[in-house]
PDB file of N, CA and C in Angstrom:
ATOM      1  N   UNK A   1     122.996   3.713  37.012  1.00  0.00           N
ATOM      2  CA  UNK A   1     122.827   3.546  35.593  1.00  0.00           C
ATOM      3  C   UNK A   1     123.922   4.297  34.851  1.00  0.00           C
ATOM      4  N   UNK A   2     124.392   3.681  33.833  1.00  0.00           N
ATOM      5  CA  UNK A   2     125.467   4.266  33.046  1.00  0.00           C
ATOM      6  C   UNK A   2     124.901   4.706  31.710  1.00  0.00           C
ATOM      7  N   UNK A   3     125.186   5.939  31.332  1.00  0.00           N
ATOM      8  CA  UNK A   3     124.714   6.441  30.042  1.00  0.00           C
ATOM      9  C   UNK A   3     125.824   6.300  29.014  1.00  0.00           C
ATOM     10  N   UNK A   4     125.447   5.842  27.847  1.00  0.00           N
ATOM     11  CA  UNK A   4     126.383   5.713  26.745  1.00  0.00           C
ATOM     12  C   UNK A   4     125.789   6.503  25.591  1.00  0.00           C
ATOM     13  N   UNK A   5     126.410   7.575  25.203  1.00  0.00           N
ATOM     14  CA  UNK A   5     125.878   8.411  24.144  1.00  0.00           C
ATOM     15  C   UNK A   5     126.632   8.118  22.858  1.00  0.00           C
ATOM     16  N   UNK A   6     125.982   7.371  21.977  1.00  0.00           N
ATOM     17  CA  UNK A   6     126.640   6.999  20.735  1.00  0.00           C
ATOM     18  C   UNK A   6     126.790   8.187  19.798  1.00  0.00           C
ATOM     19  N   UNK A   7     126.009   9.236  20.020  1.00  0.00           N
ATOM     20  CA  UNK A   7     126.069  10.401  19.145  1.00  0.00           C
ATOM     21  C   UNK A   7     127.322  11.232  19.384  1.00  0.00           C
ATOM     22  N   UNK A   8     128.008  11.026  20.515  1.00  0.00           N
ATOM     23  CA  UNK A   8     129.220  11.775  20.805  1.00  0.00           C
ATOM     24  C   UNK A   8     130.441  11.228  20.061  1.00  0.00           C
ATOM     25  N   UNK A   9     130.264  10.068  19.447  1.00  0.00           N
ATOM     26  CA  UNK A   9     131.381   9.463  18.742  1.00  0.00           C
ATOM     27  C   UNK A   9     131.559  10.167  17.400  1.00  0.00           C
ATOM     28  N   UNK A  10     132.720  10.763  17.185  1.00  0.00           N
ATOM     29  CA  UNK A  10     132.965  11.478  15.946  1.00  0.00           C
ATOM     30  C   UNK A  10     133.727  10.619  14.946  1.00  0.00           C
ATOM     31  N   UNK A  11     134.007   9.359  15.289  1.00  0.00           N
ATOM     32  CA  UNK A  11     134.745   8.472  14.398  1.00  0.00           C
ATOM     33  C   UNK A  11     133.827   7.978  13.285  1.00  0.00           C
ATOM     34  N   UNK A  12     134.410   7.439  12.214  1.00  0.00           N
ATOM     35  CA  UNK A  12     133.602   6.908  11.114  1.00  0.00           C
ATOM     36  C   UNK A  12     132.700   5.778  11.603  1.00  0.00           C
ATOM     37  N   UNK A  13     131.741   5.418  10.780  1.00  0.00           N
ATOM     38  CA  UNK A  13     130.795   4.362  11.136  1.00  0.00           C
ATOM     39  C   UNK A  13     131.547   3.081  11.457  1.00  0.00           C
ATOM     40  N   UNK A  14     131.213   2.483  12.598  1.00  0.00           N
ATOM     41  CA  UNK A  14     131.861   1.255  13.037  1.00  0.00           C
ATOM     42  C   UNK A  14     131.035   0.044  12.600  1.00  0.00           C
ATOM     43  N   UNK A  15     129.727   0.141  12.756  1.00  0.00           N
ATOM     44  CA  UNK A  15     128.816  -0.945  12.397  1.00  0.00           C
ATOM     45  C   UNK A  15     127.632  -0.342  11.665  1.00  0.00           C
ATOM     46  N   UNK A  16     127.203  -1.004  10.602  1.00  0.00           N
ATOM     47  CA  UNK A  16     126.029  -0.549   9.867  1.00  0.00           C
ATOM     48  C   UNK A  16     125.108  -1.744   9.683  1.00  0.00           C
ATOM     49  N   UNK A  17     123.828  -1.567  10.008  1.00  0.00           N
ATOM     50  CA  UNK A  17     122.853  -2.641   9.862  1.00  0.00           C
ATOM     51  C   UNK A  17     121.504  -2.023   9.524  1.00  0.00           C
ATOM     52  N   UNK A  18     120.638  -2.820   8.928  1.00  0.00           N
ATOM     53  CA  UNK A  18     119.328  -2.331   8.482  1.00  0.00           C
ATOM     54  C   UNK A  18     118.226  -3.085   9.200  1.00  0.00           C
ATOM     55  N   UNK A  19     117.134  -2.370   9.482  1.00  0.00           N
ATOM     56  CA  UNK A  19     115.966  -2.953  10.108  1.00  0.00           C
ATOM     57  C   UNK A  19     114.734  -2.306   9.497  1.00  0.00           C
ATOM     58  N   UNK A  20     113.565  -2.941   9.650  1.00  0.00           N
ATOM     59  CA  UNK A  20     112.319  -2.393   9.106  1.00  0.00           C
ATOM     60  C   UNK A  20     111.396  -1.958  10.230  1.00  0.00           C
ATOM     61  N   UNK A  21     110.600  -0.959   9.932  1.00  0.00           N
ATOM     62  CA  UNK A  21     109.595  -0.465  10.873  1.00  0.00           C
ATOM     63  C   UNK A  21     108.342  -1.317  10.714  1.00  0.00           C
ATOM     64  N   UNK A  22     107.820  -1.844  11.828  1.00  0.00           N
ATOM     65  CA  UNK A  22     106.612  -2.674  11.764  1.00  0.00           C
ATOM     66  C   UNK A  22     105.372  -1.789  11.687  1.00  0.00           C
ATOM     67  N   UNK A  23     104.231  -2.410  11.443  1.00  0.00           N
ATOM     68  CA  UNK A  23     102.968  -1.669  11.367  1.00  0.00           C
ATOM     69  C   UNK A  23     102.611  -1.046  12.711  1.00  0.00           C
ATOM     70  N   UNK A  24     103.202  -1.547  13.783  1.00  0.00           N
ATOM     71  CA  UNK A  24     102.953  -1.002  15.126  1.00  0.00           C
ATOM     72  C   UNK A  24     104.010   0.023  15.527  1.00  0.00           C
ATOM     73  N   UNK A  25     104.890   0.406  14.590  1.00  0.00           N
ATOM     74  CA  UNK A  25     105.909   1.404  14.880  1.00  0.00           C
ATOM     75  C   UNK A  25     107.108   0.856  15.623  1.00  0.00           C
ATOM     76  N   UNK A  26     107.290  -0.444  15.608  1.00  0.00           N
ATOM     77  CA  UNK A  26     108.394  -1.073  16.321  1.00  0.00           C
ATOM     78  C   UNK A  26     109.549  -1.375  15.366  1.00  0.00           C
ATOM     79  N   UNK A  27     110.758  -1.292  15.912  1.00  0.00           N
ATOM     80  CA  UNK A  27     111.964  -1.594  15.154  1.00  0.00           C
ATOM     81  C   UNK A  27     112.775  -2.609  15.943  1.00  0.00           C
ATOM     82  N   UNK A  28     113.249  -3.635  15.255  1.00  0.00           N
ATOM     83  CA  UNK A  28     114.152  -4.591  15.878  1.00  0.00           C
ATOM     84  C   UNK A  28     115.562  -4.064  15.681  1.00  0.00           C
ATOM     85  N   UNK A  29     116.298  -3.922  16.776  1.00  0.00           N
ATOM     86  CA  UNK A  29     117.683  -3.458  16.679  1.00  0.00           C
ATOM     87  C   UNK A  29     118.524  -4.657  16.272  1.00  0.00           C
ATOM     88  N   UNK A  30     119.198  -4.566  15.131  1.00  0.00           N
ATOM     89  CA  UNK A  30     119.980  -5.703  14.645  1.00  0.00           C
ATOM     90  C   UNK A  30     121.012  -6.164  15.672  1.00  0.00           C
ATOM     91  N   UNK A  31     121.277  -7.472  15.655  1.00  0.00           N
ATOM     92  CA  UNK A  31     122.170  -8.082  16.627  1.00  0.00           C
ATOM     93  C   UNK A  31     123.552  -7.434  16.610  1.00  0.00           C
ATOM     94  N   UNK A  32     124.041  -7.033  15.441  1.00  0.00           N
ATOM     95  CA  UNK A  32     125.365  -6.416  15.357  1.00  0.00           C
ATOM     96  C   UNK A  32     125.417  -5.126  16.178  1.00  0.00           C
ATOM     97  N   UNK A  33     124.333  -4.358  16.115  1.00  0.00           N
ATOM     98  CA  UNK A  33     124.259  -3.097  16.866  1.00  0.00           C
ATOM     99  C   UNK A  33     124.134  -3.393  18.355  1.00  0.00           C
ATOM    100  N   UNK A  34     123.265  -4.355  18.709  1.00  0.00           N
ATOM    101  CA  UNK A  34     123.091  -4.704  20.127  1.00  0.00           C
ATOM    102  C   UNK A  34     124.401  -5.172  20.744  1.00  0.00           C
ATOM    103  N   UNK A  35     125.148  -5.988  20.017  1.00  0.00           N
ATOM    104  CA  UNK A  35     126.432  -6.473  20.535  1.00  0.00           C
ATOM    105  C   UNK A  35     127.440  -5.342  20.658  1.00  0.00           C
ATOM    106  N   UNK A  36     127.504  -4.484  19.648  1.00  0.00           N
ATOM    107  CA  UNK A  36     128.458  -3.372  19.668  1.00  0.00           C
ATOM    108  C   UNK A  36     128.213  -2.455  20.861  1.00  0.00           C
ATOM    109  N   UNK A  37     126.940  -2.195  21.160  1.00  0.00           N
ATOM    110  CA  UNK A  37     126.592  -1.291  22.264  1.00  0.00           C
ATOM    111  C   UNK A  37     126.423  -2.022  23.592  1.00  0.00           C
ATOM    112  N   UNK A  38     126.469  -3.343  23.574  1.00  0.00           N
ATOM    113  CA  UNK A  38     126.274  -4.109  24.804  1.00  0.00           C
ATOM    114  C   UNK A  38     124.854  -4.005  25.318  1.00  0.00           C
ATOM    115  N   UNK A  39     123.885  -3.856  24.418  1.00  0.00           N
ATOM    116  CA  UNK A  39     122.490  -3.696  24.820  1.00  0.00           C
ATOM    117  C   UNK A  39     121.916  -5.011  25.325  1.00  0.00           C
ATOM    118  N   UNK A  40     121.154  -4.910  26.404  1.00  0.00           N
ATOM    119  CA  UNK A  40     120.451  -6.066  26.944  1.00  0.00           C
ATOM    120  C   UNK A  40     119.027  -5.663  27.272  1.00  0.00           C
ATOM    121  N   UNK A  41     118.200  -6.658  27.510  1.00  0.00           N
ATOM    122  CA  UNK A  41     116.797  -6.400  27.835  1.00  0.00           C
ATOM    123  C   UNK A  41     116.692  -5.451  29.024  1.00  0.00           C
ATOM    124  N   UNK A  42     115.830  -4.456  28.914  1.00  0.00           N
ATOM    125  CA  UNK A  42     115.619  -3.505  30.003  1.00  0.00           C
ATOM    126  C   UNK A  42     116.407  -2.216  29.857  1.00  0.00           C
ATOM    127  N   UNK A  43     117.394  -2.177  28.948  1.00  0.00           N
ATOM    128  CA  UNK A  43     118.139  -0.935  28.724  1.00  0.00           C
ATOM    129  C   UNK A  43     117.212   0.102  28.098  1.00  0.00           C
ATOM    130  N   UNK A  44     117.402   1.362  28.443  1.00  0.00           N
ATOM    131  CA  UNK A  44     116.590   2.442  27.884  1.00  0.00           C
ATOM    132  C   UNK A  44     117.322   3.095  26.724  1.00  0.00           C
ATOM    133  N   UNK A  45     116.587   3.399  25.667  1.00  0.00           N
ATOM    134  CA  UNK A  45     117.128   4.112  24.516  1.00  0.00           C
ATOM    135  C   UNK A  45     116.369   5.423  24.392  1.00  0.00           C
ATOM    136  N   UNK A  46     117.091   6.523  24.284  1.00  0.00           N
ATOM    137  CA  UNK A  46     116.481   7.830  24.074  1.00  0.00           C
ATOM    138  C   UNK A  46     116.852   8.280  22.673  1.00  0.00           C
ATOM    139  N   UNK A  47     115.835   8.624  21.885  1.00  0.00           N
ATOM    140  CA  UNK A  47     116.045   9.061  20.507  1.00  0.00           C
ATOM    141  C   UNK A  47     115.895  10.569  20.437  1.00  0.00           C
ATOM    142  N   UNK A  48     116.846  11.219  19.766  1.00  0.00           N
ATOM    143  CA  UNK A  48     116.813  12.669  19.589  1.00  0.00           C
ATOM    144  C   UNK A  48     116.953  12.971  18.103  1.00  0.00           C
ATOM    145  N   UNK A  49     116.105  13.856  17.596  1.00  0.00           N
ATOM    146  CA  UNK A  49     116.149  14.227  16.190  1.00  0.00           C
ATOM    147  C   UNK A  49     116.511  15.699  16.098  1.00  0.00           C
ATOM    148  N   UNK A  50     117.560  16.014  15.299  1.00  0.00           N
ATOM    149  CA  UNK A  50     117.928  17.418  15.137  1.00  0.00           C
ATOM    150  C   UNK A  50     117.189  18.011  13.930  1.00  0.00           C
ATOM    151  N   UNK A  51     117.412  19.273  13.653  1.00  0.00           N
ATOM    152  CA  UNK A  51     116.685  19.972  12.582  1.00  0.00           C
ATOM    153  C   UNK A  51     116.987  19.400  11.196  1.00  0.00           C
ATOM    154  N   UNK A  52     118.135  18.744  11.042  1.00  0.00           N
ATOM    155  CA  UNK A  52     118.501  18.145   9.757  1.00  0.00           C
ATOM    156  C   UNK A  52     117.906  16.751   9.584  1.00  0.00           C
ATOM    157  N   UNK A  53     117.182  16.261  10.583  1.00  0.00           N
ATOM    158  CA  UNK A  53     116.580  14.944  10.506  1.00  0.00           C
ATOM    159  C   UNK A  53     117.497  13.824  10.970  1.00  0.00           C
ATOM    160  N   UNK A  54     118.696  14.182  11.475  1.00  0.00           N
ATOM    161  CA  UNK A  54     119.597  13.172  12.011  1.00  0.00           C
ATOM    162  C   UNK A  54     119.049  12.647  13.337  1.00  0.00           C
ATOM    163  N   UNK A  55     119.135  11.356  13.510  1.00  0.00           N
ATOM    164  CA  UNK A  55     118.682  10.733  14.749  1.00  0.00           C
ATOM    165  C   UNK A  55     119.904  10.351  15.567  1.00  0.00           C
ATOM    166  N   UNK A  56     119.892  10.745  16.809  1.00  0.00           N
ATOM    167  CA  UNK A  56     120.958  10.362  17.739  1.00  0.00           C
ATOM    168  C   UNK A  56     120.319   9.517  18.831  1.00  0.00           C
ATOM    169  N   UNK A  57     121.072   8.544  19.299  1.00  0.00           N
ATOM    170  CA  UNK A  57     120.559   7.614  20.305  1.00  0.00           C
ATOM    171  C   UNK A  57     121.435   7.666  21.545  1.00  0.00           C
ATOM    172  N   UNK A  58     120.783   7.744  22.694  1.00  0.00           N
ATOM    173  CA  UNK A  58     121.490   7.697  23.970  1.00  0.00           C
ATOM    174  C   UNK A  58     121.035   6.426  24.683  1.00  0.00           C
ATOM    175  N   UNK A  59     121.987   5.618  25.102  1.00  0.00           N
ATOM    176  CA  UNK A  59     121.695   4.351  25.766  1.00  0.00           C
ATOM    177  C   UNK A  59     121.915   4.513  27.258  1.00  0.00           C
ATOM    178  N   UNK A  60     120.929   4.087  28.044  1.00  0.00           N
ATOM    179  CA  UNK A  60     121.076   4.069  29.489  1.00  0.00           C
ATOM    180  C   UNK A  60     121.008   2.612  29.920  1.00  0.00           C
ATOM    181  N   UNK A  61     122.155   2.097  30.393  1.00  0.00           N
ATOM    182  CA  UNK A  61     122.233   0.702  30.804  1.00  0.00           C
ATOM    183  C   UNK A  61     121.554   0.505  32.149  1.00  0.00           C
ATOM    184  N   UNK A  62     120.821  -0.577  32.264  1.00  0.00           N
ATOM    185  CA  UNK A  62     120.217  -0.971  33.535  1.00  0.00           C
ATOM    186  C   UNK A  62     120.986  -2.183  34.031  1.00  0.00           C
ATOM    187  N   UNK A  63     121.362  -2.148  35.284  1.00  0.00           N
ATOM    188  CA  UNK A  63     122.117  -3.251  35.855  1.00  0.00           C
ATOM    189  C   UNK A  63     121.282  -3.974  36.895  1.00  0.00           C
ATOM    190  N   UNK A  64     121.451  -5.268  36.961  1.00  0.00           N
ATOM    191  CA  UNK A  64     120.833  -6.055  38.026  1.00  0.00           C
ATOM    192  C   UNK A  64     121.658  -5.842  39.287  1.00  0.00           C
ATOM    193  N   UNK A  65     121.008  -5.971  40.412  1.00  0.00           N
ATOM    194  CA  UNK A  65     121.699  -5.810  41.692  1.00  0.00           C
ATOM    195  C   UNK A  65     122.874  -6.777  41.796  1.00  0.00           C
ATOM    196  N   UNK A  66     122.685  -7.971  41.281  1.00  0.00           N
ATOM    197  CA  UNK A  66     123.756  -8.971  41.356  1.00  0.00           C
ATOM    198  C   UNK A  66     124.997  -8.532  40.578  1.00  0.00           C
ATOM    199  N   UNK A  67     124.835  -7.673  39.569  1.00  0.00           N
ATOM    200  CA  UNK A  67     125.979  -7.194  38.796  1.00  0.00           C
ATOM    201  C   UNK A  67     126.753  -6.114  39.544  1.00  0.00           C
ATOM    202  N   UNK A  68     126.139  -5.532  40.571  1.00  0.00           N
ATOM    203  CA  UNK A  68     126.762  -4.433  41.298  1.00  0.00           C
ATOM    204  C   UNK A  68     127.473  -4.880  42.572  1.00  0.00           C
ATOM    205  N   UNK A  69     127.338  -6.156  42.904  1.00  0.00           N
ATOM    206  CA  UNK A  69     127.988  -6.660  44.126  1.00  0.00           C
ATOM    207  C   UNK A  69     129.490  -6.454  44.011  1.00  0.00           C
ATOM    208  N   UNK A  70     130.064  -5.860  45.040  1.00  0.00           N
ATOM    209  CA  UNK A  70     131.498  -5.645  45.083  1.00  0.00           C
ATOM    210  C   UNK A  70     131.945  -4.319  44.493  1.00  0.00           C
ATOM    211  N   UNK A  71     131.007  -3.528  43.977  1.00  0.00           N
ATOM    212  CA  UNK A  71     131.384  -2.261  43.348  1.00  0.00           C
ATOM    213  C   UNK A  71     131.794  -1.220  44.393  1.00  0.00           C
ATOM    214  N   UNK A  72     131.210  -1.293  45.586  1.00  0.00           N
ATOM    215  CA  UNK A  72     131.551  -0.351  46.648  1.00  0.00           C
ATOM    216  C   UNK A  72     132.626  -0.952  47.547  1.00  0.00           C
ATOM    217  N   UNK A  73     133.580  -0.145  47.912  1.00  0.00           N
ATOM    218  CA  UNK A  73     134.664  -0.601  48.782  1.00  0.00           C
ATOM    219  C   UNK A  73     134.231  -0.487  50.236  1.00  0.00           C
ATOM    220  N   UNK A  74     134.603  -1.466  51.030  1.00  0.00           N
ATOM    221  CA  UNK A  74     134.278  -1.451  52.448  1.00  0.00           C
ATOM    222  C   UNK A  74     135.416  -2.113  53.222  1.00  0.00           C
ATOM    223  N   UNK A  75     135.557  -1.739  54.472  1.00  0.00           N
ATOM    224  CA  UNK A  75     136.562  -2.366  55.326  1.00  0.00           C
ATOM    225  C   UNK A  75     135.986  -3.539  56.097  1.00  0.00           C
ATOM    226  N   UNK A  76     134.664  -3.719  55.995  1.00  0.00           N
ATOM    227  CA  UNK A  76     134.017  -4.793  56.731  1.00  0.00           C
ATOM    228  C   UNK A  76     133.987  -6.059  55.877  1.00  0.00           C
ATOM    229  N   UNK A  77     134.109  -7.211  56.526  1.00  0.00           N
ATOM    230  CA  UNK A  77     134.073  -8.461  55.776  1.00  0.00           C
ATOM    231  C   UNK A  77     132.672  -8.724  55.223  1.00  0.00           C
ATOM    232  N   UNK A  78     132.603  -9.507  54.175  1.00  0.00           N
ATOM    233  CA  UNK A  78     131.340  -9.882  53.555  1.00  0.00           C
ATOM    234  C   UNK A  78     130.537 -10.746  54.501  1.00  0.00           C
ATOM    235  N   UNK A  79     129.251 -10.425  54.639  1.00  0.00           N
ATOM    236  CA  UNK A  79     128.353 -11.244  55.455  1.00  0.00           C
ATOM    237  C   UNK A  79     127.419 -11.995  54.523  1.00  0.00           C
ATOM    238  N   UNK A  80     127.269 -13.280  54.713  1.00  0.00           N
ATOM    239  CA  UNK A  80     126.357 -14.050  53.863  1.00  0.00           C
ATOM    240  C   UNK A  80     124.918 -13.525  53.971  1.00  0.00           C
ATOM    241  N   UNK A  81     124.199 -13.602  52.874  1.00  0.00           N
ATOM    242  CA  UNK A  81     122.821 -13.109  52.823  1.00  0.00           C
ATOM    243  C   UNK A  81     121.963 -13.791  53.876  1.00  0.00           C
ATOM    244  N   UNK A  82     122.146 -15.087  54.049  1.00  0.00           N
ATOM    245  CA  UNK A  82     121.345 -15.836  55.026  1.00  0.00           C
ATOM    246  C   UNK A  82     121.548 -15.290  56.442  1.00  0.00           C
ATOM    247  N   UNK A  83     122.759 -14.909  56.776  1.00  0.00           N
ATOM    248  CA  UNK A  83     123.049 -14.329  58.095  1.00  0.00           C
ATOM    249  C   UNK A  83     122.321 -12.992  58.269  1.00  0.00           C
ATOM    250  N   UNK A  84     122.365 -12.166  57.252  1.00  0.00           N
ATOM    251  CA  UNK A  84     121.683 -10.861  57.302  1.00  0.00           C
ATOM    252  C   UNK A  84     120.174 -11.064  57.410  1.00  0.00           C
ATOM    253  N   UNK A  85     119.641 -12.024  56.637  1.00  0.00           N
ATOM    254  CA  UNK A  85     118.199 -12.307  56.666  1.00  0.00           C
ATOM    255  C   UNK A  85     117.773 -12.773  58.061  1.00  0.00           C
ATOM    256  N   UNK A  86     118.543 -13.673  58.667  1.00  0.00           N
ATOM    257  CA  UNK A  86     118.214 -14.172  60.006  1.00  0.00           C
ATOM    258  C   UNK A  86     118.238 -13.048  61.031  1.00  0.00           C
ATOM    259  N   UNK A  87     119.227 -12.159  60.907  1.00  0.00           N
ATOM    260  CA  UNK A  87     119.302 -11.019  61.821  1.00  0.00           C
ATOM    261  C   UNK A  87     118.066 -10.122  61.674  1.00  0.00           C
ATOM    262  N   UNK A  88     117.633  -9.913  60.447  1.00  0.00           N
ATOM    263  CA  UNK A  88     116.443  -9.094  60.200  1.00  0.00           C
ATOM    264  C   UNK A  88     115.206  -9.745  60.812  1.00  0.00           C
ATOM    265  N   UNK A  89     115.077 -11.076  60.647  1.00  0.00           N
ATOM    266  CA  UNK A  89     113.935 -11.782  61.234  1.00  0.00           C
ATOM    267  C   UNK A  89     113.945 -11.675  62.753  1.00  0.00           C
ATOM    268  N   UNK A  90     115.117 -11.820  63.371  1.00  0.00           N
ATOM    269  CA  UNK A  90     115.214 -11.699  64.838  1.00  0.00           C
ATOM    270  C   UNK A  90     114.799 -10.298  65.283  1.00  0.00           C
ATOM    271  N   UNK A  91     115.265  -9.279  64.561  1.00  0.00           N
ATOM    272  CA  UNK A  91     114.936  -7.888  64.906  1.00  0.00           C
ATOM    273  C   UNK A  91     113.437  -7.645  64.768  1.00  0.00           C
ATOM    274  N   UNK A  92     112.851  -8.135  63.668  1.00  0.00           N
ATOM    275  CA  UNK A  92     111.406  -7.953  63.460  1.00  0.00           C
ATOM    276  C   UNK A  92     110.611  -8.709  64.519  1.00  0.00           C
ATOM    277  N   UNK A  93     111.076  -9.926  64.876  1.00  0.00           N
ATOM    278  CA  UNK A  93     110.392 -10.711  65.904  1.00  0.00           C
ATOM    279  C   UNK A  93     110.428 -10.022  67.256  1.00  0.00           C
ATOM    280  N   UNK A  94     111.594  -9.476  67.611  1.00  0.00           N
ATOM    281  CA  UNK A  94     111.722  -8.766  68.886  1.00  0.00           C
ATOM    282  C   UNK A  94     110.813  -7.547  68.924  1.00  0.00           C
ATOM    283  N   UNK A  95     110.707  -6.848  67.796  1.00  0.00           N
ATOM    284  CA  UNK A  95     109.839  -5.666  67.722  1.00  0.00           C
ATOM    285  C   UNK A  95     108.361  -6.086  67.897  1.00  0.00           C
ATOM    286  N   UNK A  96     107.974  -7.186  67.256  1.00  0.00           N
ATOM    287  CA  UNK A  96     106.600  -7.681  67.380  1.00  0.00           C
ATOM    288  C   UNK A  96     106.278  -8.015  68.837  1.00  0.00           C
ATOM    289  N   UNK A  97     107.206  -8.707  69.518  1.00  0.00           N
ATOM    290  CA  UNK A  97     106.979  -9.063  70.922  1.00  0.00           C
ATOM    291  C   UNK A  97     106.866  -7.821  71.789  1.00  0.00           C
ATOM    292  N   UNK A  98     107.714  -6.836  71.535  1.00  0.00           N
ATOM    293  CA  UNK A  98     107.674  -5.588  72.318  1.00  0.00           C
ATOM    294  C   UNK A  98     106.356  -4.873  72.089  1.00  0.00           C
ATOM    295  N   UNK A  99     105.884  -4.809  70.819  1.00  0.00           N
ATOM    296  CA  UNK A  99     104.609  -4.157  70.509  1.00  0.00           C
ATOM    297  C   UNK A  99     103.443  -4.862  71.196  1.00  0.00           C
ATOM    298  N   UNK A 100     103.481  -6.217  71.258  1.00  0.00           N
ATOM    299  CA  UNK A 100     102.410  -6.972  71.913  1.00  0.00           C
ATOM    300  C   UNK A 100     102.408  -6.714  73.420  1.00  0.00           C
ATOM    301  N   UNK A 101     103.590  -6.599  74.019  1.00  0.00           N
ATOM    302  CA  UNK A 101     103.688  -6.357  75.464  1.00  0.00           C
ATOM    303  C   UNK A 101     103.135  -4.984  75.818  1.00  0.00           C
ATOM    304  N   UNK A 102     103.319  -4.010  74.930  1.00  0.00           N
ATOM    305  CA  UNK A 102     102.853  -2.648  75.186  1.00  0.00           C
ATOM    306  C   UNK A 102     101.338  -2.547  75.074  1.00  0.00           C
ATOM    307  N   UNK A 103     100.712  -3.438  74.321  1.00  0.00           N
ATOM    308  CA  UNK A 103      99.240  -3.416  74.124  1.00  0.00           C
ATOM    309  C   UNK A 103      98.604  -4.276  75.104  1.00  0.00           C
TER     310      UNK A 103
END
């Protein structure tokens, strides 16, 4: 997970948008803000309030496994998922047969 702390930005306001608080305490983050921060469903937002009443937001991005493919370097060639799955099934099957023989 990657943390993006918007409160660390000391530059002038880049995007300004308004939203209303619902009766259930919910706020819709305006599309301009979501796009600027790259927010997607499942991202975590941490709100911090200082003594002056300023609110700072820390964004923790959540990535799908499919987005992380290829991020780690390896010297081994890519193996198709189906090949890995078949190998796992063979290993589990062999273990089952061995367990049955022992009983």
